[in-house]
Structure formats: C-alpha cells, structure tokens
C-alpha cells in the first residue's frame, strides 16, 4: 500500500489534520519519528492517495491545535518531495 507522510511544523497539532483526513475518507495516523511529529496517510480503499487532494485537505485543516488554533502558513510538502 502506498502512503504519504506529512511532517508537521514545530508547535503544530496533528489531531486536526488526522480528523480532517479521516473525514475525507483517508486512513491517517499520527506518528513520532526521531522526535518529529508525522502524519501517515493512506487511501481508505487501498489505492494510492492523491497527493493534491490530500494537500488540499491538510491546507484546509492546518491549525496549530484543535481548540482555537491559529492557521499554519507553511507550505504542505510530503517527505517524498523534500
């Protein structure tokens, strides 16, 4: 199964991203790798996730926290793009 990995920016909560991605039909799980917060995203039906659609969902939900979080103004890049 193909997956996308999004590394959150420092101070960003992965919870709103995971919730939005799951609502959009993706399997999304928070993870910590070498002290960094990562959201691992897979398509709910086993196909390859569409990076542009996933990017759009993340941009819409990109907050620093679930409760009254500020908007994160960093570009959405997946680990495979860096």
Protein backbone atom coordinates (compact mmCIF):
# COMPACT_ATOMS: atom_id res chain seq x y z
CA UNK A 1 0.00 0.00 0.00
CA UNK A 2 1.29 3.43 -0.97
CA UNK A 3 1.28 6.14 1.67
CA UNK A 4 2.11 9.81 2.06
CA UNK A 5 3.99 11.17 5.06
CA UNK A 6 3.49 14.76 6.21
CA UNK A 7 5.86 16.17 8.83
CA UNK A 8 4.11 18.79 10.95
CA UNK A 9 5.80 22.08 11.66
CA UNK A 10 7.05 22.72 15.23
CA UNK A 11 4.13 23.54 17.53
CA UNK A 12 1.51 22.11 15.16
CA UNK A 13 -1.01 19.58 16.49
CA UNK A 14 -1.55 16.56 14.22
CA UNK A 15 -5.06 15.92 15.62
CA UNK A 16 -6.99 18.37 13.38
CA UNK A 17 -5.18 17.02 10.33
CA UNK A 18 -5.91 13.40 11.21
CA UNK A 19 -9.59 14.20 11.85
CA UNK A 20 -9.97 16.09 8.54
CA UNK A 21 -8.18 13.39 6.55
CA UNK A 22 -10.33 10.65 8.09
CA UNK A 23 -13.47 12.67 7.31
CA UNK A 24 -12.28 12.88 3.70
CA UNK A 25 -12.02 9.07 3.54
CA UNK A 26 -8.31 8.59 4.14
CA UNK A 27 -6.62 6.38 6.70
CA UNK A 28 -4.48 8.78 8.73
CA UNK A 29 -2.38 8.05 11.79
CA UNK A 30 -0.11 10.32 13.83
CA UNK A 31 3.39 9.04 14.45
CA UNK A 32 6.61 10.27 16.00
CA UNK A 33 9.89 9.64 14.21
CA UNK A 34 13.18 10.86 15.68
CA UNK A 35 11.29 13.40 17.79
CA UNK A 36 9.29 14.80 14.88
CA UNK A 37 5.52 14.53 14.53
CA UNK A 38 4.43 12.89 11.27
CA UNK A 39 1.01 12.11 9.84
CA UNK A 40 0.98 8.90 7.80
CA UNK A 41 -1.76 8.97 5.15
CA UNK A 42 -3.11 6.08 3.09
CA UNK A 43 -6.15 5.78 0.87
CA UNK A 44 -9.13 4.17 2.58
CA UNK A 45 -9.69 1.83 -0.37
CA UNK A 46 -6.10 0.62 -0.75
CA UNK A 47 -5.34 2.69 -3.85
CA UNK A 48 -2.60 5.28 -4.00
CA UNK A 49 -3.64 8.51 -2.23
CA UNK A 50 -3.95 11.57 -4.48
CA UNK A 51 -1.24 13.97 -3.24
CA UNK A 52 -3.03 17.09 -4.45
CA UNK A 53 -6.33 16.13 -2.82
CA UNK A 54 -4.53 15.24 0.42
CA UNK A 55 -2.61 18.54 0.26
CA UNK A 56 -5.92 20.41 -0.12
CA UNK A 57 -7.44 18.66 2.92
CA UNK A 58 -4.35 19.44 5.01
CA UNK A 59 -4.35 23.10 3.95
CA UNK A 60 -8.00 23.46 4.98
CA UNK A 61 -7.38 21.90 8.41
CA UNK A 62 -3.87 23.25 9.01
CA UNK A 63 -4.20 24.64 12.55
CA UNK A 64 -1.74 24.74 15.43
CA UNK A 65 -4.26 22.99 17.69
CA UNK A 66 -7.77 21.57 17.76
CA UNK A 67 -9.06 24.30 20.11
CA UNK A 68 -8.81 27.84 18.76
CA UNK A 69 -5.57 27.10 16.95
CA UNK A 70 -4.05 29.62 14.60
CA UNK A 71 -3.63 28.92 10.91
CA UNK A 72 -0.30 27.36 9.89
CA UNK A 73 1.10 29.32 6.97
CA UNK A 74 3.76 26.80 5.94
CA UNK A 75 3.59 25.05 2.56
CA UNK A 76 2.31 21.48 2.64
CA UNK A 77 5.12 19.21 1.49
CA UNK A 78 5.30 15.47 1.83
CA UNK A 79 8.52 13.73 2.85
CA UNK A 80 8.86 12.32 -0.66
CA UNK A 81 9.00 15.90 -2.02
CA UNK A 82 11.88 17.10 0.15
